[in-house]
């Protein structure tokens, strides 16, 4: 049980895919303007990460590896992720059209969100069991959610700030994102030593 807690907390705080590994930056910068959009996108990403891991781990372990087809990993994983994103898009369009409209082009971008692909590949590379891979995916999704919500708050503060003209727009957004990512450096070493 301790190992699962360490994997979960590490994925959320230390190995945060957005703020530490810098994967999934496109939706992070694009959808974090409003809290409701950031929350909806994060929930969709958590769902896709969990479902992608649940689908890709067995495919890798029971189909690709035994048949010497490991070199097809990236292609197969992208196809699985694309199918899952289409499923999420259909469900959101039918049952939550306001969220579907607010996410706009960023929802299909989950397909090419390197954080989702990164989670599925790194679960295999780290040698996680199925249960550990699912916990890591949950932690990674929660870390994405945390980063999106935090940065949404930062961006709402930036809207009311007096920013020099040369920094307005994308430059101040990138500066704020880098400062936000620095806040996660303080968690390094903490999680592993909690249970030592």
C-alpha atoms as a PDB file:
ATOM      1  CA  UNK A   1       0.000   0.000   0.000  1.00  0.00           C
ATOM      2  CA  UNK A   2       2.887   2.352   0.788  1.00  0.00           C
ATOM      3  CA  UNK A   3       4.260   1.914  -2.722  1.00  0.00           C
ATOM      4  CA  UNK A   4       0.917   2.952  -4.233  1.00  0.00           C
ATOM      5  CA  UNK A   5       0.814   6.080  -2.066  1.00  0.00           C
ATOM      6  CA  UNK A   6       4.383   6.977  -3.065  1.00  0.00           C
ATOM      7  CA  UNK A   7       3.571   6.461  -6.768  1.00  0.00           C
ATOM      8  CA  UNK A   8       0.402   8.565  -6.464  1.00  0.00           C
ATOM      9  CA  UNK A   9       1.987  11.461  -4.571  1.00  0.00           C
ATOM     10  CA  UNK A  10       5.085  11.417  -6.775  1.00  0.00           C
ATOM     11  CA  UNK A  11       2.958  11.625  -9.908  1.00  0.00           C
ATOM     12  CA  UNK A  12       0.946  14.545  -8.524  1.00  0.00           C
ATOM     13  CA  UNK A  13       3.722  16.632  -6.999  1.00  0.00           C
ATOM     14  CA  UNK A  14       7.243  15.555  -7.987  1.00  0.00           C
ATOM     15  CA  UNK A  15       6.864  14.127 -11.492  1.00  0.00           C
ATOM     16  CA  UNK A  16       3.979  16.399 -12.480  1.00  0.00           C
ATOM     17  CA  UNK A  17       3.674  15.921 -16.235  1.00  0.00           C
ATOM     18  CA  UNK A  18       2.915  19.586 -16.899  1.00  0.00           C
ATOM     19  CA  UNK A  19       5.084  21.425 -14.389  1.00  0.00           C
ATOM     20  CA  UNK A  20       8.057  19.057 -14.013  1.00  0.00           C
ATOM     21  CA  UNK A  21       8.189  17.043 -17.233  1.00  0.00           C
ATOM     22  CA  UNK A  22       6.692  19.804 -19.414  1.00  0.00           C
ATOM     23  CA  UNK A  23       4.311  17.503 -21.265  1.00  0.00           C
ATOM     24  CA  UNK A  24       0.800  18.634 -22.152  1.00  0.00           C
ATOM     25  CA  UNK A  25       1.694  22.313 -22.351  1.00  0.00           C
ATOM     26  CA  UNK A  26      -0.737  23.104 -25.208  1.00  0.00           C
ATOM     27  CA  UNK A  27      -3.963  22.568 -23.235  1.00  0.00           C
ATOM     28  CA  UNK A  28      -2.249  23.930 -20.124  1.00  0.00           C
ATOM     29  CA  UNK A  29      -1.691  27.278 -21.814  1.00  0.00           C
ATOM     30  CA  UNK A  30      -4.792  27.214 -24.002  1.00  0.00           C
ATOM     31  CA  UNK A  31      -7.588  26.146 -21.668  1.00  0.00           C
ATOM     32  CA  UNK A  32      -6.420  27.559 -18.346  1.00  0.00           C
ATOM     33  CA  UNK A  33      -7.983  31.009 -18.899  1.00  0.00           C
ATOM     34  CA  UNK A  34     -11.224  30.069 -17.129  1.00  0.00           C
ATOM     35  CA  UNK A  35     -11.631  27.777 -14.140  1.00  0.00           C
ATOM     36  CA  UNK A  36     -14.635  25.884 -15.519  1.00  0.00           C
ATOM     37  CA  UNK A  37     -12.864  25.109 -18.800  1.00  0.00           C
ATOM     38  CA  UNK A  38      -9.692  24.096 -16.946  1.00  0.00           C
ATOM     39  CA  UNK A  39     -11.680  21.799 -14.651  1.00  0.00           C
ATOM     40  CA  UNK A  40     -13.617  20.214 -17.521  1.00  0.00           C
ATOM     41  CA  UNK A  41     -10.475  19.650 -19.576  1.00  0.00           C
ATOM     42  CA  UNK A  42      -8.693  18.173 -16.565  1.00  0.00           C
ATOM     43  CA  UNK A  43     -11.518  15.737 -15.869  1.00  0.00           C
ATOM     44  CA  UNK A  44     -11.498  14.661 -19.517  1.00  0.00           C
ATOM     45  CA  UNK A  45      -7.699  14.175 -19.384  1.00  0.00           C
ATOM     46  CA  UNK A  46      -7.942  12.132 -16.155  1.00  0.00           C
ATOM     47  CA  UNK A  47     -10.554   9.887 -17.767  1.00  0.00           C
ATOM     48  CA  UNK A  48      -8.517   9.456 -20.954  1.00  0.00           C
ATOM     49  CA  UNK A  49      -5.300   8.760 -18.992  1.00  0.00           C
ATOM     50  CA  UNK A  50      -6.978   6.064 -16.908  1.00  0.00           C
ATOM     51  CA  UNK A  51      -8.736   4.441 -19.844  1.00  0.00           C
ATOM     52  CA  UNK A  52      -5.637   4.656 -22.049  1.00  0.00           C
ATOM     53  CA  UNK A  53      -3.544   2.956 -19.382  1.00  0.00           C
ATOM     54  CA  UNK A  54      -6.215   0.299 -18.840  1.00  0.00           C
ATOM     55  CA  UNK A  55      -6.165  -0.428 -22.586  1.00  0.00           C
ATOM     56  CA  UNK A  56      -2.502   0.023 -23.505  1.00  0.00           C
ATOM     57  CA  UNK A  57      -0.825  -1.843 -20.633  1.00  0.00           C
ATOM     58  CA  UNK A  58      -2.450  -5.190 -21.505  1.00  0.00           C
ATOM     59  CA  UNK A  59      -1.889  -4.578 -25.219  1.00  0.00           C
ATOM     60  CA  UNK A  60       1.818  -4.025 -24.576  1.00  0.00           C
ATOM     61  CA  UNK A  61       2.252  -6.927 -22.144  1.00  0.00           C
ATOM     62  CA  UNK A  62       0.065  -9.555 -23.791  1.00  0.00           C
ATOM     63  CA  UNK A  63       0.149  -8.658 -27.487  1.00  0.00           C
ATOM     64  CA  UNK A  64       3.093  -6.515 -28.502  1.00  0.00           C
ATOM     65  CA  UNK A  65       5.878  -7.858 -26.243  1.00  0.00           C
ATOM     66  CA  UNK A  66       5.181 -11.602 -26.688  1.00  0.00           C
ATOM     67  CA  UNK A  67       5.021 -11.234 -30.476  1.00  0.00           C
ATOM     68  CA  UNK A  68       8.137  -9.056 -30.788  1.00  0.00           C
ATOM     69  CA  UNK A  69       6.075  -6.055 -31.887  1.00  0.00           C
ATOM     70  CA  UNK A  70       7.277  -3.603 -29.233  1.00  0.00           C
ATOM     71  CA  UNK A  71       8.410  -1.204 -31.962  1.00  0.00           C
ATOM     72  CA  UNK A  72       4.713  -0.553 -32.761  1.00  0.00           C
ATOM     73  CA  UNK A  73       4.101   0.792 -29.242  1.00  0.00           C
ATOM     74  CA  UNK A  74       3.803   4.480 -30.115  1.00  0.00           C
ATOM     75  CA  UNK A  75       1.524   3.931 -33.113  1.00  0.00           C
ATOM     76  CA  UNK A  76      -0.776   1.537 -31.263  1.00  0.00           C
ATOM     77  CA  UNK A  77      -0.939   3.762 -28.182  1.00  0.00           C
ATOM     78  CA  UNK A  78      -1.805   6.838 -30.256  1.00  0.00           C
ATOM     79  CA  UNK A  79      -4.609   4.923 -31.997  1.00  0.00           C
ATOM     80  CA  UNK A  80      -6.023   3.782 -28.647  1.00  0.00           C
ATOM     81  CA  UNK A  81      -5.823   7.323 -27.224  1.00  0.00           C
ATOM     82  CA  UNK A  82      -7.479   8.772 -30.342  1.00  0.00           C
ATOM     83  CA  UNK A  83     -10.365   6.324 -30.039  1.00  0.00           C
ATOM     84  CA  UNK A  84     -10.832   7.185 -26.358  1.00  0.00           C
ATOM     85  CA  UNK A  85     -10.805  10.920 -27.066  1.00  0.00           C
ATOM     86  CA  UNK A  86     -13.464  10.441 -29.723  1.00  0.00           C
ATOM     87  CA  UNK A  87     -15.559   8.606 -27.140  1.00  0.00           C
ATOM     88  CA  UNK A  88     -15.126  11.477 -24.638  1.00  0.00           C
ATOM     89  CA  UNK A  89     -15.990  14.036 -27.310  1.00  0.00           C
ATOM     90  CA  UNK A  90     -19.175  12.193 -28.296  1.00  0.00           C
ATOM     91  CA  UNK A  91     -20.273  11.903 -24.648  1.00  0.00           C
ATOM     92  CA  UNK A  92     -19.543  15.572 -23.881  1.00  0.00           C
ATOM     93  CA  UNK A  93     -21.261  16.759 -27.054  1.00  0.00           C
ATOM     94  CA  UNK A  94     -24.371  14.778 -26.202  1.00  0.00           C
ATOM     95  CA  UNK A  95     -24.621  15.240 -22.429  1.00  0.00           C
ATOM     96  CA  UNK A  96     -22.613  18.401 -21.579  1.00  0.00           C
ATOM     97  CA  UNK A  97     -22.757  20.604 -24.692  1.00  0.00           C
ATOM     98  CA  UNK A  98     -21.717  23.774 -22.827  1.00  0.00           C
ATOM     99  CA  UNK A  99     -18.450  22.167 -21.720  1.00  0.00           C
ATOM    100  CA  UNK A 100     -17.931  20.704 -25.195  1.00  0.00           C
ATOM    101  CA  UNK A 101     -18.314  24.165 -26.709  1.00  0.00           C
ATOM    102  CA  UNK A 102     -16.038  25.852 -24.145  1.00  0.00           C
ATOM    103  CA  UNK A 103     -13.253  23.304 -24.707  1.00  0.00           C
ATOM    104  CA  UNK A 104     -13.491  23.872 -28.444  1.00  0.00           C
ATOM    105  CA  UNK A 105     -10.450  22.725 -30.392  1.00  0.00           C
ATOM    106  CA  UNK A 106      -8.587  21.699 -27.237  1.00  0.00           C
ATOM    107  CA  UNK A 107     -10.694  18.601 -26.665  1.00  0.00           C
ATOM    108  CA  UNK A 108      -9.519  16.874 -29.862  1.00  0.00           C
ATOM    109  CA  UNK A 109      -5.997  17.984 -28.917  1.00  0.00           C
ATOM    110  CA  UNK A 110      -6.069  15.465 -26.058  1.00  0.00           C
ATOM    111  CA  UNK A 111      -5.384  12.949 -28.833  1.00  0.00           C
ATOM    112  CA  UNK A 112      -2.007  14.549 -29.430  1.00  0.00           C
ATOM    113  CA  UNK A 113      -1.497  15.542 -25.793  1.00  0.00           C
ATOM    114  CA  UNK A 114       1.946  14.206 -25.115  1.00  0.00           C
ATOM    115  CA  UNK A 115       1.130  13.939 -21.392  1.00  0.00           C
ATOM    116  CA  UNK A 116      -1.391  11.182 -22.107  1.00  0.00           C
ATOM    117  CA  UNK A 117       0.998   9.356 -24.429  1.00  0.00           C
ATOM    118  CA  UNK A 118       3.846   9.977 -21.983  1.00  0.00           C
ATOM    119  CA  UNK A 119       1.929   8.391 -19.112  1.00  0.00           C
ATOM    120  CA  UNK A 120       1.140   5.252 -21.089  1.00  0.00           C
ATOM    121  CA  UNK A 121       4.700   4.815 -22.336  1.00  0.00           C
ATOM    122  CA  UNK A 122       6.383   5.667 -19.025  1.00  0.00           C
ATOM    123  CA  UNK A 123       4.139   3.188 -17.199  1.00  0.00           C
ATOM    124  CA  UNK A 124       5.678   0.480 -19.370  1.00  0.00           C
ATOM    125  CA  UNK A 125       9.218   1.885 -19.169  1.00  0.00           C
ATOM    126  CA  UNK A 126       9.069   2.102 -15.354  1.00  0.00           C
ATOM    127  CA  UNK A 127       8.075  -1.575 -15.214  1.00  0.00           C
ATOM    128  CA  UNK A 128       4.880  -0.911 -13.293  1.00  0.00           C
ATOM    129  CA  UNK A 129       2.385  -3.675 -12.716  1.00  0.00           C
ATOM    130  CA  UNK A 130      -1.139  -3.035 -13.970  1.00  0.00           C
ATOM    131  CA  UNK A 131      -2.287  -1.729 -10.569  1.00  0.00           C
ATOM    132  CA  UNK A 132       0.789   0.511 -10.214  1.00  0.00           C
ATOM    133  CA  UNK A 133       0.289   1.826 -13.749  1.00  0.00           C
ATOM    134  CA  UNK A 134      -3.328   2.712 -12.960  1.00  0.00           C
ATOM    135  CA  UNK A 135      -2.292   4.505  -9.749  1.00  0.00           C
ATOM    136  CA  UNK A 136       0.423   6.385 -11.645  1.00  0.00           C
ATOM    137  CA  UNK A 137      -2.099   7.385 -14.312  1.00  0.00           C
ATOM    138  CA  UNK A 138      -4.541   8.603 -11.675  1.00  0.00           C
ATOM    139  CA  UNK A 139      -1.774  10.594  -9.983  1.00  0.00           C
ATOM    140  CA  UNK A 140      -0.653  12.020 -13.302  1.00  0.00           C
ATOM    141  CA  UNK A 141      -4.206  13.071 -14.124  1.00  0.00           C
ATOM    142  CA  UNK A 142      -4.645  14.631 -10.688  1.00  0.00           C
ATOM    143  CA  UNK A 143      -1.328  16.427 -11.170  1.00  0.00           C
ATOM    144  CA  UNK A 144      -2.594  17.758 -14.501  1.00  0.00           C
ATOM    145  CA  UNK A 145      -5.792  18.869 -12.753  1.00  0.00           C
ATOM    146  CA  UNK A 146      -3.814  20.590  -9.994  1.00  0.00           C
ATOM    147  CA  UNK A 147      -1.591  22.396 -12.498  1.00  0.00           C
ATOM    148  CA  UNK A 148      -4.575  23.540 -14.580  1.00  0.00           C
ATOM    149  CA  UNK A 149      -6.530  24.839 -11.584  1.00  0.00           C
ATOM    150  CA  UNK A 150      -3.485  26.566 -10.081  1.00  0.00           C
ATOM    151  CA  UNK A 151      -2.575  28.203 -13.352  1.00  0.00           C
ATOM    152  CA  UNK A 152      -6.177  29.238 -13.963  1.00  0.00           C
ATOM    153  CA  UNK A 153      -5.987  31.158 -10.695  1.00  0.00           C
ATOM    154  CA  UNK A 154      -2.669  32.712 -11.680  1.00  0.00           C
ATOM    155  CA  UNK A 155      -4.070  33.785 -15.045  1.00  0.00           C
ATOM    156  CA  UNK A 156      -7.135  35.344 -13.452  1.00  0.00           C
ATOM    157  CA  UNK A 157      -4.797  37.450 -11.287  1.00  0.00           C
ATOM    158  CA  UNK A 158      -2.783  38.422 -14.370  1.00  0.00           C
ATOM    159  CA  UNK A 159      -5.886  39.838 -16.072  1.00  0.00           C
ATOM    160  CA  UNK A 160      -6.216  42.499 -13.394  1.00  0.00           C
ATOM    161  CA  UNK A 161      -2.485  43.211 -13.081  1.00  0.00           C
ATOM    162  CA  UNK A 162      -0.690  46.221 -14.495  1.00  0.00           C
ATOM    163  CA  UNK A 163       1.683  44.489 -16.927  1.00  0.00           C
ATOM    164  CA  UNK A 164       4.188  46.335 -19.131  1.00  0.00           C
ATOM    165  CA  UNK A 165       3.077  46.280 -22.768  1.00  0.00           C
ATOM    166  CA  UNK A 166       6.138  44.299 -23.894  1.00  0.00           C
ATOM    167  CA  UNK A 167       5.173  41.468 -21.506  1.00  0.00           C
ATOM    168  CA  UNK A 168       1.430  41.391 -22.121  1.00  0.00           C
ATOM    169  CA  UNK A 169      -0.141  38.302 -23.659  1.00  0.00           C
ATOM    170  CA  UNK A 170       1.959  35.195 -24.210  1.00  0.00           C
ATOM    171  CA  UNK A 171       5.227  36.457 -22.620  1.00  0.00           C
ATOM    172  CA  UNK A 172       3.691  37.052 -19.177  1.00  0.00           C
ATOM    173  CA  UNK A 173       1.787  33.760 -19.478  1.00  0.00           C
ATOM    174  CA  UNK A 174       5.036  31.865 -20.071  1.00  0.00           C
ATOM    175  CA  UNK A 175       6.787  33.708 -17.238  1.00  0.00           C
ATOM    176  CA  UNK A 176       3.894  32.901 -14.883  1.00  0.00           C
ATOM    177  CA  UNK A 177       3.961  29.250 -16.013  1.00  0.00           C
ATOM    178  CA  UNK A 178       7.682  28.998 -15.280  1.00  0.00           C
ATOM    179  CA  UNK A 179       7.248  30.498 -11.814  1.00  0.00           C
ATOM    180  CA  UNK A 180       4.346  28.127 -11.136  1.00  0.00           C
ATOM    181  CA  UNK A 181       6.517  25.172 -12.176  1.00  0.00           C
ATOM    182  CA  UNK A 182       9.259  26.330  -9.809  1.00  0.00           C
ATOM    183  CA  UNK A 183       6.831  25.911  -6.928  1.00  0.00           C
ATOM    184  CA  UNK A 184       6.842  22.147  -7.523  1.00  0.00           C
ATOM    185  CA  UNK A 185      10.621  21.826  -7.150  1.00  0.00           C
ATOM    186  CA  UNK A 186      10.167  22.051  -3.402  1.00  0.00           C
ATOM    187  CA  UNK A 187       8.427  18.670  -3.327  1.00  0.00           C
ATOM    188  CA  UNK A 188      11.493  16.793  -4.598  1.00  0.00           C
ATOM    189  CA  UNK A 189      12.615  14.228  -2.019  1.00  0.00           C
ATOM    190  CA  UNK A 190       9.695  14.915   0.314  1.00  0.00           C
ATOM    191  CA  UNK A 191       7.394  12.079  -0.796  1.00  0.00           C
ATOM    192  CA  UNK A 192      10.063   9.375  -0.702  1.00  0.00           C
ATOM    193  CA  UNK A 193      11.122  10.427   2.812  1.00  0.00           C
ATOM    194  CA  UNK A 194       7.572  10.474   4.208  1.00  0.00           C
ATOM    195  CA  UNK A 195       7.612   6.708   4.619  1.00  0.00           C
ATOM    196  CA  UNK A 196      11.331   6.184   5.314  1.00  0.00           C
END
